[in-house]
PDB file of N, CA and C in Angstrom:
ATOM      1  N   ARG A   1      96.225 102.797 143.998  1.00  0.00           N
ATOM      2  CA  ARG A   1      95.926 101.399 144.123  1.00  0.00           C
ATOM      3  C   ARG A   1      94.434 101.123 144.037  1.00  0.00           C
ATOM      4  N   PHE A   2      93.608 102.133 144.287  1.00  0.00           N
ATOM      5  CA  PHE A   2      92.181 101.880 144.202  1.00  0.00           C
ATOM      6  C   PHE A   2      91.807 101.632 142.746  1.00  0.00           C
ATOM      7  N   MET A   3      90.675 100.961 142.549  1.00  0.00           N
ATOM      8  CA  MET A   3      90.160 100.609 141.229  1.00  0.00           C
ATOM      9  C   MET A   3      91.089  99.644 140.479  1.00  0.00           C
ATOM     10  N   MET A   4      91.928  98.919 141.200  1.00  0.00           N
ATOM     11  CA  MET A   4      92.920  98.040 140.596  1.00  0.00           C
ATOM     12  C   MET A   4      92.312  97.000 139.656  1.00  0.00           C
ATOM     13  N   PHE A   5      91.242  96.345 140.084  1.00  0.00           N
ATOM     14  CA  PHE A   5      90.599  95.311 139.281  1.00  0.00           C
ATOM     15  C   PHE A   5      89.205  95.733 138.832  1.00  0.00           C
ATOM     16  N   TYR A   6      88.913  97.011 138.915  1.00  0.00           N
ATOM     17  CA  TYR A   6      87.583  97.543 138.599  1.00  0.00           C
ATOM     18  C   TYR A   6      87.125  97.071 137.224  1.00  0.00           C
ATOM     19  N   GLY A   7      85.927  96.501 137.185  1.00  0.00           N
ATOM     20  CA  GLY A   7      85.297  96.160 135.918  1.00  0.00           C
ATOM     21  C   GLY A   7      85.893  94.984 135.174  1.00  0.00           C
ATOM     22  N   ASN A   8      86.744  94.213 135.823  1.00  0.00           N
ATOM     23  CA  ASN A   8      87.343  93.070 135.148  1.00  0.00           C
ATOM     24  C   ASN A   8      86.331  91.927 135.147  1.00  0.00           C
ATOM     25  N   THR A   9      85.574  91.801 134.078  1.00  0.00           N
ATOM     26  CA  THR A   9      84.506  90.804 134.004  1.00  0.00           C
ATOM     27  C   THR A   9      85.004  89.430 133.585  1.00  0.00           C
ATOM     28  N   LEU A  10      86.287  89.287 133.298  1.00  0.00           N
ATOM     29  CA  LEU A  10      86.844  87.998 132.910  1.00  0.00           C
ATOM     30  C   LEU A  10      87.574  87.303 134.059  1.00  0.00           C
ATOM     31  N   LEU A  11      87.937  88.060 135.074  1.00  0.00           N
ATOM     32  CA  LEU A  11      88.713  87.523 136.185  1.00  0.00           C
ATOM     33  C   LEU A  11      87.864  86.593 137.042  1.00  0.00           C
ATOM     34  N   GLU A  12      88.321  85.352 137.211  1.00  0.00           N
ATOM     35  CA  GLU A  12      87.615  84.384 138.041  1.00  0.00           C
ATOM     36  C   GLU A  12      88.340  84.107 139.351  1.00  0.00           C
ATOM     37  N   ASP A  13      89.641  84.384 139.399  1.00  0.00           N
ATOM     38  CA  ASP A  13      90.444  84.108 140.590  1.00  0.00           C
ATOM     39  C   ASP A  13      91.635  85.061 140.606  1.00  0.00           C
ATOM     40  N   ILE A  14      91.870  85.707 141.740  1.00  0.00           N
ATOM     41  CA  ILE A  14      93.021  86.608 141.818  1.00  0.00           C
ATOM     42  C   ILE A  14      94.273  85.889 142.293  1.00  0.00           C
ATOM     43  N   GLY A  15      94.145  84.586 142.570  1.00  0.00           N
ATOM     44  CA  GLY A  15      95.301  83.797 142.967  1.00  0.00           C
ATOM     45  C   GLY A  15      95.743  84.083 144.390  1.00  0.00           C
ATOM     46  N   ASP A  16      96.958  83.686 144.686  1.00  0.00           N
ATOM     47  CA  ASP A  16      97.511  83.840 146.032  1.00  0.00           C
ATOM     48  C   ASP A  16      98.010  85.265 146.218  1.00  0.00           C
ATOM     49  N   ILE A  17      97.300  86.014 147.040  1.00  0.00           N
ATOM     50  CA  ILE A  17      97.707  87.406 147.284  1.00  0.00           C
ATOM     51  C   ILE A  17      98.290  87.573 148.684  1.00  0.00           C
ATOM     52  N   SER A  18      98.614  86.467 149.321  1.00  0.00           N
ATOM     53  CA  SER A  18      99.135  86.529 150.691  1.00  0.00           C
ATOM     54  C   SER A  18     100.492  87.223 150.768  1.00  0.00           C
ATOM     55  N   HIS A  19     101.209  87.274 149.675  1.00  0.00           N
ATOM     56  CA  HIS A  19     102.523  87.912 149.662  1.00  0.00           C
ATOM     57  C   HIS A  19     102.476  89.406 149.323  1.00  0.00           C
ATOM     58  N   TRP A  20     101.297  89.924 149.025  1.00  0.00           N
ATOM     59  CA  TRP A  20     101.179  91.347 148.718  1.00  0.00           C
ATOM     60  C   TRP A  20     101.523  92.179 149.948  1.00  0.00           C
ATOM     61  N   SER A  21     102.278  93.225 149.745  1.00  0.00           N
ATOM     62  CA  SER A  21     102.614  94.146 150.831  1.00  0.00           C
ATOM     63  C   SER A  21     101.563  95.251 150.871  1.00  0.00           C
ATOM     64  N   THR A  22     100.772  95.300 151.955  1.00  0.00           N
ATOM     65  CA  THR A  22      99.653  96.246 152.015  1.00  0.00           C
ATOM     66  C   THR A  22      99.689  97.212 153.204  1.00  0.00           C
ATOM     67  N   PRO A  23     100.803  97.325 153.962  1.00  0.00           N
ATOM     68  CA  PRO A  23     100.749  98.195 155.139  1.00  0.00           C
ATOM     69  C   PRO A  23     100.599  99.685 154.835  1.00  0.00           C
ATOM     70  N   ASP A  24     100.875 100.118 153.622  1.00  0.00           N
ATOM     71  CA  ASP A  24     100.725 101.533 153.273  1.00  0.00           C
ATOM     72  C   ASP A  24      99.452 101.804 152.476  1.00  0.00           C
ATOM     73  N   LEU A  25      98.629 100.792 152.300  1.00  0.00           N
ATOM     74  CA  LEU A  25      97.387 100.930 151.547  1.00  0.00           C
ATOM     75  C   LEU A  25      96.399 101.814 152.305  1.00  0.00           C
ATOM     76  N   THR A  26      95.948 102.893 151.665  1.00  0.00           N
ATOM     77  CA  THR A  26      95.006 103.820 152.298  1.00  0.00           C
ATOM     78  C   THR A  26      93.644 103.818 151.619  1.00  0.00           C
ATOM     79  N   ASN A  27      93.586 103.372 150.361  1.00  0.00           N
ATOM     80  CA  ASN A  27      92.361 103.490 149.589  1.00  0.00           C
ATOM     81  C   ASN A  27      92.110 102.204 148.796  1.00  0.00           C
ATOM     82  N   THR A  28      90.995 101.527 149.083  1.00  0.00           N
ATOM     83  CA  THR A  28      90.598 100.348 148.310  1.00  0.00           C
ATOM     84  C   THR A  28      89.293 100.622 147.566  1.00  0.00           C
ATOM     85  N   ARG A  29      88.992 101.896 147.377  1.00  0.00           N
ATOM     86  CA  ARG A  29      87.750 102.303 146.711  1.00  0.00           C
ATOM     87  C   ARG A  29      87.620 101.611 145.357  1.00  0.00           C
ATOM     88  N   GLU A  30      86.522 100.896 145.180  1.00  0.00           N
ATOM     89  CA  GLU A  30      86.172 100.236 143.926  1.00  0.00           C
ATOM     90  C   GLU A  30      87.232  99.243 143.432  1.00  0.00           C
ATOM     91  N   MET A  31      88.059  98.741 144.330  1.00  0.00           N
ATOM     92  CA  MET A  31      89.153  97.858 143.946  1.00  0.00           C
ATOM     93  C   MET A  31      88.691  96.629 143.162  1.00  0.00           C
ATOM     94  N   PHE A  32      87.618  96.000 143.617  1.00  0.00           N
ATOM     95  CA  PHE A  32      87.111  94.807 142.960  1.00  0.00           C
ATOM     96  C   PHE A  32      85.724  95.024 142.349  1.00  0.00           C
ATOM     97  N   ARG A  33      85.315  96.255 142.235  1.00  0.00           N
ATOM     98  CA  ARG A  33      83.967  96.569 141.760  1.00  0.00           C
ATOM     99  C   ARG A  33      83.693  95.938 140.400  1.00  0.00           C
ATOM    100  N   ASN A  34      82.499  95.345 140.287  1.00  0.00           N
ATOM    101  CA  ASN A  34      82.002  94.731 139.057  1.00  0.00           C
ATOM    102  C   ASN A  34      82.862  93.577 138.547  1.00  0.00           C
ATOM    103  N   ASN A  35      83.549  92.887 139.456  1.00  0.00           N
ATOM    104  CA  ASN A  35      84.220  91.639 139.093  1.00  0.00           C
ATOM    105  C   ASN A  35      83.154  90.548 139.139  1.00  0.00           C
ATOM    106  N   SER A  36      82.408  90.443 138.082  1.00  0.00           N
ATOM    107  CA  SER A  36      81.188  89.640 138.081  1.00  0.00           C
ATOM    108  C   SER A  36      81.401  88.130 138.029  1.00  0.00           C
ATOM    109  N   ARG A  37      82.617  87.659 137.826  1.00  0.00           N
ATOM    110  CA  ARG A  37      82.859  86.214 137.790  1.00  0.00           C
ATOM    111  C   ARG A  37      83.516  85.668 139.054  1.00  0.00           C
ATOM    112  N   MET A  38      83.980  86.520 139.913  1.00  0.00           N
ATOM    113  CA  MET A  38      84.634  86.066 141.150  1.00  0.00           C
ATOM    114  C   MET A  38      83.579  85.533 142.113  1.00  0.00           C
ATOM    115  N   THR A  39      83.813  84.352 142.681  1.00  0.00           N
ATOM    116  CA  THR A  39      82.854  83.763 143.618  1.00  0.00           C
ATOM    117  C   THR A  39      83.289  83.932 145.068  1.00  0.00           C
ATOM    118  N   SER A  40      84.565  84.252 145.289  1.00  0.00           N
ATOM    119  CA  SER A  40      85.034  84.483 146.657  1.00  0.00           C
ATOM    120  C   SER A  40      86.268  85.382 146.641  1.00  0.00           C
ATOM    121  N   PHE A  41      86.485  86.033 147.766  1.00  0.00           N
ATOM    122  CA  PHE A  41      87.643  86.899 147.956  1.00  0.00           C
ATOM    123  C   PHE A  41      88.263  86.538 149.291  1.00  0.00           C
ATOM    124  N   ASP A  42      89.558  86.268 149.312  1.00  0.00           N
ATOM    125  CA  ASP A  42      90.251  85.909 150.543  1.00  0.00           C
ATOM    126  C   ASP A  42      91.343  86.934 150.806  1.00  0.00           C
ATOM    127  N   LEU A  43      91.027  87.900 151.661  1.00  0.00           N
ATOM    128  CA  LEU A  43      91.967  88.967 151.993  1.00  0.00           C
ATOM    129  C   LEU A  43      92.421  88.851 153.445  1.00  0.00           C
ATOM    130  N   HIS A  44      92.360  87.650 153.995  1.00  0.00           N
ATOM    131  CA  HIS A  44      92.684  87.453 155.417  1.00  0.00           C
ATOM    132  C   HIS A  44      94.139  87.772 155.737  1.00  0.00           C
ATOM    133  N   SER A  45      95.010  87.736 154.760  1.00  0.00           N
ATOM    134  CA  SER A  45      96.431  87.985 155.017  1.00  0.00           C
ATOM    135  C   SER A  45      96.826  89.457 154.876  1.00  0.00           C
ATOM    136  N   TRP A  46      95.887  90.295 154.501  1.00  0.00           N
ATOM    137  CA  TRP A  46      96.218  91.703 154.318  1.00  0.00           C
ATOM    138  C   TRP A  46      96.415  92.418 155.640  1.00  0.00           C
ATOM    139  N   ASN A  47      97.402  93.281 155.689  1.00  0.00           N
ATOM    140  CA  ASN A  47      97.698  94.119 156.851  1.00  0.00           C
ATOM    141  C   ASN A  47      97.491  95.557 156.393  1.00  0.00           C
ATOM    142  N   THR A  48      96.420  96.196 156.878  1.00  0.00           N
ATOM    143  CA  THR A  48      96.052  97.523 156.359  1.00  0.00           C
ATOM    144  C   THR A  48      95.868  98.556 157.472  1.00  0.00           C
ATOM    145  N   PRO A  49      96.908  98.874 158.233  1.00  0.00           N
ATOM    146  CA  PRO A  49      96.747  99.800 159.350  1.00  0.00           C
ATOM    147  C   PRO A  49      96.454 101.241 158.953  1.00  0.00           C
ATOM    148  N   LYS A  50      96.613 101.579 157.674  1.00  0.00           N
ATOM    149  CA  LYS A  50      96.400 102.953 157.218  1.00  0.00           C
ATOM    150  C   LYS A  50      95.161 103.112 156.343  1.00  0.00           C
ATOM    151  N   LEU A  51      94.373 102.061 156.197  1.00  0.00           N
ATOM    152  CA  LEU A  51      93.203 102.105 155.315  1.00  0.00           C
ATOM    153  C   LEU A  51      92.172 103.109 155.811  1.00  0.00           C
ATOM    154  N   VAL A  52      91.737 103.994 154.918  1.00  0.00           N
ATOM    155  CA  VAL A  52      90.766 105.033 155.241  1.00  0.00           C
ATOM    156  C   VAL A  52      89.490 104.888 154.407  1.00  0.00           C
ATOM    157  N   ASN A  53      89.623 104.479 153.150  1.00  0.00           N
ATOM    158  CA  ASN A  53      88.472 104.436 152.246  1.00  0.00           C
ATOM    159  C   ASN A  53      88.292 103.042 151.658  1.00  0.00           C
ATOM    160  N   ALA A  54      87.153 102.415 151.940  1.00  0.00           N
ATOM    161  CA  ALA A  54      86.812 101.104 151.377  1.00  0.00           C
ATOM    162  C   ALA A  54      85.494 101.182 150.607  1.00  0.00           C
ATOM    163  N   GLU A  55      85.152 102.377 150.169  1.00  0.00           N
ATOM    164  CA  GLU A  55      83.886 102.617 149.473  1.00  0.00           C
ATOM    165  C   GLU A  55      83.768 101.750 148.220  1.00  0.00           C
ATOM    166  N   ARG A  56      82.635 101.082 148.080  1.00  0.00           N
ATOM    167  CA  ARG A  56      82.295 100.293 146.896  1.00  0.00           C
ATOM    168  C   ARG A  56      83.345  99.222 146.549  1.00  0.00           C
ATOM    169  N   MET A  57      84.084  98.783 147.518  1.00  0.00           N
ATOM    170  CA  MET A  57      85.191  97.846 147.290  1.00  0.00           C
ATOM    171  C   MET A  57      84.763  96.582 146.548  1.00  0.00           C
ATOM    172  N   PHE A  58      83.595  96.038 146.909  1.00  0.00           N
ATOM    173  CA  PHE A  58      83.116  94.807 146.279  1.00  0.00           C
ATOM    174  C   PHE A  58      81.798  95.010 145.526  1.00  0.00           C
ATOM    175  N   GLN A  59      81.395  96.237 145.325  1.00  0.00           N
ATOM    176  CA  GLN A  59      80.112  96.505 144.668  1.00  0.00           C
ATOM    177  C   GLN A  59      80.052  95.824 143.309  1.00  0.00           C
ATOM    178  N   GLY A  60      78.929  95.172 143.027  1.00  0.00           N
ATOM    179  CA  GLY A  60      78.728  94.555 141.728  1.00  0.00           C
ATOM    180  C   GLY A  60      79.405  93.214 141.542  1.00  0.00           C
ATOM    181  N   CYS A  61      79.957  92.663 142.603  1.00  0.00           N
ATOM    182  CA  CYS A  61      80.557  91.330 142.521  1.00  0.00           C
ATOM    183  C   CYS A  61      79.417  90.324 142.663  1.00  0.00           C
ATOM    184  N   SER A  62      78.665  90.199 141.604  1.00  0.00           N
ATOM    185  CA  SER A  62      77.367  89.535 141.654  1.00  0.00           C
ATOM    186  C   SER A  62      77.403  88.043 141.935  1.00  0.00           C
ATOM    187  N   LEU A  63      78.521  87.358 141.720  1.00  0.00           N
ATOM    188  CA  LEU A  63      78.615  85.934 142.010  1.00  0.00           C
ATOM    189  C   LEU A  63      79.339  85.634 143.321  1.00  0.00           C
ATOM    190  N   ALA A  64      79.855  86.658 143.974  1.00  0.00           N
ATOM    191  CA  ALA A  64      80.607  86.446 145.219  1.00  0.00           C
ATOM    192  C   ALA A  64      79.706  85.878 146.303  1.00  0.00           C
ATOM    193  N   LYS A  65      80.096  84.722 146.837  1.00  0.00           N
ATOM    194  CA  LYS A  65      79.332  84.088 147.910  1.00  0.00           C
ATOM    195  C   LYS A  65      79.987  84.315 149.266  1.00  0.00           C
ATOM    196  N   ALA A  66      81.318  84.433 149.283  1.00  0.00           N
ATOM    197  CA  ALA A  66      82.038  84.618 150.545  1.00  0.00           C
ATOM    198  C   ALA A  66      83.160  85.631 150.365  1.00  0.00           C
ATOM    199  N   ILE A  67      83.252  86.540 151.317  1.00  0.00           N
ATOM    200  CA  ILE A  67      84.311  87.541 151.310  1.00  0.00           C
ATOM    201  C   ILE A  67      84.981  87.516 152.673  1.00  0.00           C
ATOM    202  N   ASP A  68      86.264  87.184 152.687  1.00  0.00           N
ATOM    203  CA  ASP A  68      87.027  87.139 153.935  1.00  0.00           C
ATOM    204  C   ASP A  68      87.893  88.386 154.022  1.00  0.00           C
ATOM    205  N   ILE A  69      87.494  89.304 154.900  1.00  0.00           N
ATOM    206  CA  ILE A  69      88.256  90.531 155.102  1.00  0.00           C
ATOM    207  C   ILE A  69      88.809  90.575 156.522  1.00  0.00           C
ATOM    208  N   SER A  70      89.070  89.401 157.070  1.00  0.00           N
ATOM    209  CA  SER A  70      89.519  89.333 158.460  1.00  0.00           C
ATOM    210  C   SER A  70      90.884  89.969 158.687  1.00  0.00           C
ATOM    211  N   GLY A  71      91.662  90.179 157.650  1.00  0.00           N
ATOM    212  CA  GLY A  71      92.957  90.827 157.812  1.00  0.00           C
ATOM    213  C   GLY A  71      92.910  92.333 157.678  1.00  0.00           C
ATOM    214  N   ILE A  72      91.760  92.859 157.302  1.00  0.00           N
ATOM    215  CA  ILE A  72      91.664  94.298 157.062  1.00  0.00           C
ATOM    216  C   ILE A  72      91.419  95.052 158.361  1.00  0.00           C
ATOM    217  N   ASP A  73      92.300  95.988 158.645  1.00  0.00           N
ATOM    218  CA  ASP A  73      92.192  96.850 159.826  1.00  0.00           C
ATOM    219  C   ASP A  73      91.254  98.001 159.468  1.00  0.00           C
ATOM    220  N   THR A  74      90.137  98.088 160.168  1.00  0.00           N
ATOM    221  CA  THR A  74      89.138  99.118 159.858  1.00  0.00           C
ATOM    222  C   THR A  74      89.175 100.309 160.819  1.00  0.00           C
ATOM    223  N   SER A  75      90.154 100.359 161.683  1.00  0.00           N
ATOM    224  CA  SER A  75      90.154 101.372 162.741  1.00  0.00           C
ATOM    225  C   SER A  75      90.213 102.813 162.227  1.00  0.00           C
ATOM    226  N   LEU A  76      90.743 103.041 161.039  1.00  0.00           N
ATOM    227  CA  LEU A  76      90.813 104.400 160.481  1.00  0.00           C
ATOM    228  C   LEU A  76      89.820 104.634 159.346  1.00  0.00           C
ATOM    229  N   VAL A  77      89.070 103.601 158.976  1.00  0.00           N
ATOM    230  CA  VAL A  77      88.143 103.716 157.841  1.00  0.00           C
ATOM    231  C   VAL A  77      87.041 104.731 158.144  1.00  0.00           C
ATOM    232  N   THR A  78      86.897 105.694 157.245  1.00  0.00           N
ATOM    233  CA  THR A  78      85.845 106.705 157.380  1.00  0.00           C
ATOM    234  C   THR A  78      84.772 106.545 156.313  1.00  0.00           C
ATOM    235  N   ASN A  79      85.048 105.759 155.276  1.00  0.00           N
ATOM    236  CA  ASN A  79      84.056 105.555 154.226  1.00  0.00           C
ATOM    237  C   ASN A  79      84.064 104.094 153.786  1.00  0.00           C
ATOM    238  N   ALA A  80      82.995 103.387 154.125  1.00  0.00           N
ATOM    239  CA  ALA A  80      82.807 102.006 153.679  1.00  0.00           C
ATOM    240  C   ALA A  80      81.431 101.867 153.034  1.00  0.00           C
ATOM    241  N   SER A  81      80.894 102.977 152.553  1.00  0.00           N
ATOM    242  CA  SER A  81      79.550 102.946 151.979  1.00  0.00           C
ATOM    243  C   SER A  81      79.523 102.106 150.704  1.00  0.00           C
ATOM    244  N   TYR A  82      78.410 101.417 150.531  1.00  0.00           N
ATOM    245  CA  TYR A  82      78.177 100.562 149.372  1.00  0.00           C
ATOM    246  C   TYR A  82      79.255  99.493 149.183  1.00  0.00           C
ATOM    247  N   MET A  83      79.932  99.141 150.246  1.00  0.00           N
ATOM    248  CA  MET A  83      81.037  98.188 150.166  1.00  0.00           C
ATOM    249  C   MET A  83      80.608  96.846 149.581  1.00  0.00           C
ATOM    250  N   PHE A  84      79.388  96.395 149.918  1.00  0.00           N
ATOM    251  CA  PHE A  84      78.895  95.110 149.437  1.00  0.00           C
ATOM    252  C   PHE A  84      77.623  95.266 148.594  1.00  0.00           C
ATOM    253  N   HIS A  85      77.406  96.441 148.064  1.00  0.00           N
ATOM    254  CA  HIS A  85      76.204  96.730 147.277  1.00  0.00           C
ATOM    255  C   HIS A  85      76.211  95.903 145.987  1.00  0.00           C
ATOM    256  N   GLU A  86      75.030  95.464 145.561  1.00  0.00           N
ATOM    257  CA  GLU A  86      74.865  94.686 144.335  1.00  0.00           C
ATOM    258  C   GLU A  86      75.661  93.379 144.356  1.00  0.00           C
ATOM    259  N   CYS A  87      75.607  92.711 145.504  1.00  0.00           N
ATOM    260  CA  CYS A  87      76.219  91.385 145.669  1.00  0.00           C
ATOM    261  C   CYS A  87      75.108  90.409 146.059  1.00  0.00           C
ATOM    262  N   PRO A  88      74.203  90.081 145.160  1.00  0.00           N
ATOM    263  CA  PRO A  88      73.025  89.293 145.509  1.00  0.00           C
ATOM    264  C   PRO A  88      73.324  87.866 145.961  1.00  0.00           C
ATOM    265  N   ALA A  89      74.454  87.292 145.590  1.00  0.00           N
ATOM    266  CA  ALA A  89      74.792  85.919 145.969  1.00  0.00           C
ATOM    267  C   ALA A  89      75.554  85.851 147.294  1.00  0.00           C
ATOM    268  N   LEU A  90      75.896  87.003 147.853  1.00  0.00           N
ATOM    269  CA  LEU A  90      76.739  87.042 149.049  1.00  0.00           C
ATOM    270  C   LEU A  90      76.061  86.366 150.232  1.00  0.00           C
ATOM    271  N   GLU A  91      76.749  85.357 150.781  1.00  0.00           N
ATOM    272  CA  GLU A  91      76.240  84.622 151.928  1.00  0.00           C
ATOM    273  C   GLU A  91      77.023  84.914 153.199  1.00  0.00           C
ATOM    274  N   TYR A  92      78.321  85.136 153.067  1.00  0.00           N
ATOM    275  CA  TYR A  92      79.163  85.333 154.246  1.00  0.00           C
ATOM    276  C   TYR A  92      80.185  86.442 154.037  1.00  0.00           C
ATOM    277  N   VAL A  93      80.311  87.285 155.050  1.00  0.00           N
ATOM    278  CA  VAL A  93      81.402  88.247 155.128  1.00  0.00           C
ATOM    279  C   VAL A  93      82.154  87.875 156.398  1.00  0.00           C
ATOM    280  N   ILE A  94      83.381  87.446 156.234  1.00  0.00           N
ATOM    281  CA  ILE A  94      84.164  86.938 157.359  1.00  0.00           C
ATOM    282  C   ILE A  94      85.085  88.026 157.881  1.00  0.00           C
ATOM    283  N   MET A  95      84.898  88.361 159.148  1.00  0.00           N
ATOM    284  CA  MET A  95      85.682  89.400 159.787  1.00  0.00           C
ATOM    285  C   MET A  95      86.339  88.866 161.048  1.00  0.00           C
ATOM    286  N   GLU A  96      86.441  87.578 161.186  1.00  0.00           N
ATOM    287  CA  GLU A  96      86.994  86.964 162.382  1.00  0.00           C
ATOM    288  C   GLU A  96      88.415  87.437 162.644  1.00  0.00           C
ATOM    289  N   GLY A  97      88.721  87.575 163.925  1.00  0.00           N
ATOM    290  CA  GLY A  97      90.069  87.943 164.321  1.00  0.00           C
ATOM    291  C   GLY A  97      90.390  89.406 164.148  1.00  0.00           C
ATOM    292  N   THR A  98      89.418  90.196 163.819  1.00  0.00           N
ATOM    293  CA  THR A  98      89.633  91.617 163.585  1.00  0.00           C
ATOM    294  C   THR A  98      88.866  92.414 164.630  1.00  0.00           C
ATOM    295  N   ASP A  99      89.496  93.417 165.190  1.00  0.00           N
ATOM    296  CA  ASP A  99      88.791  94.331 166.079  1.00  0.00           C
ATOM    297  C   ASP A  99      88.101  95.337 165.174  1.00  0.00           C
ATOM    298  N   ILE A 100      86.839  95.144 164.958  1.00  0.00           N
ATOM    299  CA  ILE A 100      86.125  95.926 163.958  1.00  0.00           C
ATOM    300  C   ILE A 100      85.652  97.245 164.540  1.00  0.00           C
ATOM    301  N   LYS A 101      86.350  98.272 164.183  1.00  0.00           N
ATOM    302  CA  LYS A 101      86.001  99.620 164.597  1.00  0.00           C
ATOM    303  C   LYS A 101      86.084 100.496 163.374  1.00  0.00           C
ATOM    304  N   PHE A 102      85.222 101.456 163.294  1.00  0.00           N
ATOM    305  CA  PHE A 102      85.274 102.406 162.210  1.00  0.00           C
ATOM    306  C   PHE A 102      85.458 103.783 162.818  1.00  0.00           C
ATOM    307  N   SER A 103      86.200 104.599 162.131  1.00  0.00           N
ATOM    308  CA  SER A 103      86.489 105.935 162.603  1.00  0.00           C
ATOM    309  C   SER A 103      85.246 106.813 162.519  1.00  0.00           C
ATOM    310  N   GLY A 104      84.949 107.523 163.564  1.00  0.00           N
ATOM    311  CA  GLY A 104      83.829 108.462 163.553  1.00  0.00           C
ATOM    312  C   GLY A 104      82.495 107.802 163.334  1.00  0.00           C
ATOM    313  N   SER A 105      81.679 108.360 162.453  1.00  0.00           N
ATOM    314  CA  SER A 105      80.326 107.867 162.225  1.00  0.00           C
ATOM    315  C   SER A 105      80.196 107.188 160.862  1.00  0.00           C
ATOM    316  N   VAL A 106      81.209 106.452 160.463  1.00  0.00           N
ATOM    317  CA  VAL A 106      81.190 105.771 159.168  1.00  0.00           C
ATOM    318  C   VAL A 106      80.001 104.816 159.093  1.00  0.00           C
ATOM    319  N   THR A 107      79.478 104.663 157.904  1.00  0.00           N
ATOM    320  CA  THR A 107      78.381 103.725 157.715  1.00  0.00           C
ATOM    321  C   THR A 107      78.745 102.694 156.662  1.00  0.00           C
ATOM    322  N   ILE A 108      78.368 101.454 156.913  1.00  0.00           N
ATOM    323  CA  ILE A 108      78.510 100.443 155.869  1.00  0.00           C
ATOM    324  C   ILE A 108      77.127 100.074 155.356  1.00  0.00           C
ATOM    325  N   ALA A 109      76.150 100.822 155.773  1.00  0.00           N
ATOM    326  CA  ALA A 109      74.775 100.542 155.367  1.00  0.00           C
ATOM    327  C   ALA A 109      74.546 101.059 153.947  1.00  0.00           C
ATOM    328  N   ASP A 110      73.744 102.063 153.795  1.00  0.00           N
ATOM    329  CA  ASP A 110      73.436 102.616 152.475  1.00  0.00           C
ATOM    330  C   ASP A 110      73.057 101.517 151.489  1.00  0.00           C
ATOM    331  N   THR A 111      72.212 100.598 151.907  1.00  0.00           N
ATOM    332  CA  THR A 111      71.788  99.443 151.115  1.00  0.00           C
ATOM    333  C   THR A 111      72.979  98.632 150.610  1.00  0.00           C
ATOM    334  N   SER A 112      74.060  98.613 151.374  1.00  0.00           N
ATOM    335  CA  SER A 112      75.268  97.951 150.891  1.00  0.00           C
ATOM    336  C   SER A 112      75.308  96.456 151.148  1.00  0.00           C
ATOM    337  N   ILE A 113      74.469  95.944 152.020  1.00  0.00           N
ATOM    338  CA  ILE A 113      74.525  94.537 152.373  1.00  0.00           C
ATOM    339  C   ILE A 113      73.171  93.902 152.112  1.00  0.00           C
ATOM    340  N   ASN A 114      73.155  92.850 151.307  1.00  0.00           N
ATOM    341  CA  ASN A 114      71.849  92.230 151.037  1.00  0.00           C
ATOM    342  C   ASN A 114      71.332  91.558 152.296  1.00  0.00           C
ATOM    343  N   GLY A 115      70.068  91.318 152.359  1.00  0.00           N
ATOM    344  CA  GLY A 115      69.435  90.829 153.575  1.00  0.00           C
ATOM    345  C   GLY A 115      69.792  89.427 153.992  1.00  0.00           C
ATOM    346  N   THR A 116      70.405  88.636 153.122  1.00  0.00           N
ATOM    347  CA  THR A 116      70.695  87.251 153.468  1.00  0.00           C
ATOM    348  C   THR A 116      72.131  87.029 153.906  1.00  0.00           C
ATOM    349  N   ALA A 117      72.982  87.999 153.733  1.00  0.00           N
ATOM    350  CA  ALA A 117      74.395  87.821 154.089  1.00  0.00           C
ATOM    351  C   ALA A 117      74.560  87.700 155.591  1.00  0.00           C
ATOM    352  N   LYS A 118      75.479  86.853 156.004  1.00  0.00           N
ATOM    353  CA  LYS A 118      75.776  86.664 157.416  1.00  0.00           C
ATOM    354  C   LYS A 118      77.171  87.189 157.688  1.00  0.00           C
ATOM    355  N   PHE A 119      77.293  87.964 158.739  1.00  0.00           N
ATOM    356  CA  PHE A 119      78.603  88.437 159.145  1.00  0.00           C
ATOM    357  C   PHE A 119      79.138  87.486 160.197  1.00  0.00           C
ATOM    358  N   LEU A 120      80.293  86.906 159.930  1.00  0.00           N
ATOM    359  CA  LEU A 120      80.934  86.024 160.888  1.00  0.00           C
ATOM    360  C   LEU A 120      81.996  86.845 161.597  1.00  0.00           C
ATOM    361  N   VAL A 121      81.682  87.243 162.803  1.00  0.00           N
ATOM    362  CA  VAL A 121      82.543  88.151 163.544  1.00  0.00           C
ATOM    363  C   VAL A 121      82.855  87.555 164.907  1.00  0.00           C
ATOM    364  N   SER A 122      84.136  87.501 165.231  1.00  0.00           N
ATOM    365  CA  SER A 122      84.489  86.980 166.541  1.00  0.00           C
ATOM    366  C   SER A 122      84.949  88.084 167.479  1.00  0.00           C
ATOM    367  N   ALA A 123      85.027  89.297 166.970  1.00  0.00           N
ATOM    368  CA  ALA A 123      85.477  90.427 167.777  1.00  0.00           C
ATOM    369  C   ALA A 123      84.314  91.378 168.026  1.00  0.00           C
ATOM    370  N   ASN A 124      84.565  92.428 168.796  1.00  0.00           N
ATOM    371  CA  ASN A 124      83.540  93.426 169.055  1.00  0.00           C
ATOM    372  C   ASN A 124      83.326  94.291 167.817  1.00  0.00           C
ATOM    373  N   MET A 125      82.095  94.592 167.521  1.00  0.00           N
ATOM    374  CA  MET A 125      81.787  95.443 166.388  1.00  0.00           C
ATOM    375  C   MET A 125      81.296  96.776 166.927  1.00  0.00           C
ATOM    376  N   VAL A 126      82.006  97.851 166.620  1.00  0.00           N
ATOM    377  CA  VAL A 126      81.720  99.161 167.169  1.00  0.00           C
ATOM    378  C   VAL A 126      81.431 100.143 166.037  1.00  0.00           C
ATOM    379  N   ASN A 127      80.365 100.906 166.143  1.00  0.00           N
ATOM    380  CA  ASN A 127      80.006 101.922 165.151  1.00  0.00           C
ATOM    381  C   ASN A 127      79.856 101.356 163.747  1.00  0.00           C
ATOM    382  N   ALA A 128      79.504 100.101 163.617  1.00  0.00           N
ATOM    383  CA  ALA A 128      79.539  99.514 162.287  1.00  0.00           C
ATOM    384  C   ALA A 128      78.200  99.477 161.577  1.00  0.00           C
ATOM    385  N   TYR A 129      77.096  99.404 162.287  1.00  0.00           N
ATOM    386  CA  TYR A 129      75.848  99.264 161.552  1.00  0.00           C
ATOM    387  C   TYR A 129      74.708  99.813 162.350  1.00  0.00           C
TER     388      TYR A 129
END
């Protein structure tokens, strides 16, 4: 399932993905990487209790202004490096309603978040940055 939309430079909207079944999803590595026309991502309805790898998930989404990952369970994630790398327009990453924990010493840093992005978090953030 990883790299599903990788490099799709024509895609402007992924439509309603609220009906996608995601409880067995373990790897979102590069799933939306280089989707240069998408301006927002709404993944609030995703249920991902088995997710382990979110590396470079949104890297290169150069027009993305808002990313809502409030439905993503990060409790088992061990690799989220470069998750938001090369997203210069990114203003908001929405994680509300999620208990944000990362497994072990995972990092989402590695120059992955531009300096102007705001994280909207209503839960505790543990081992995240």
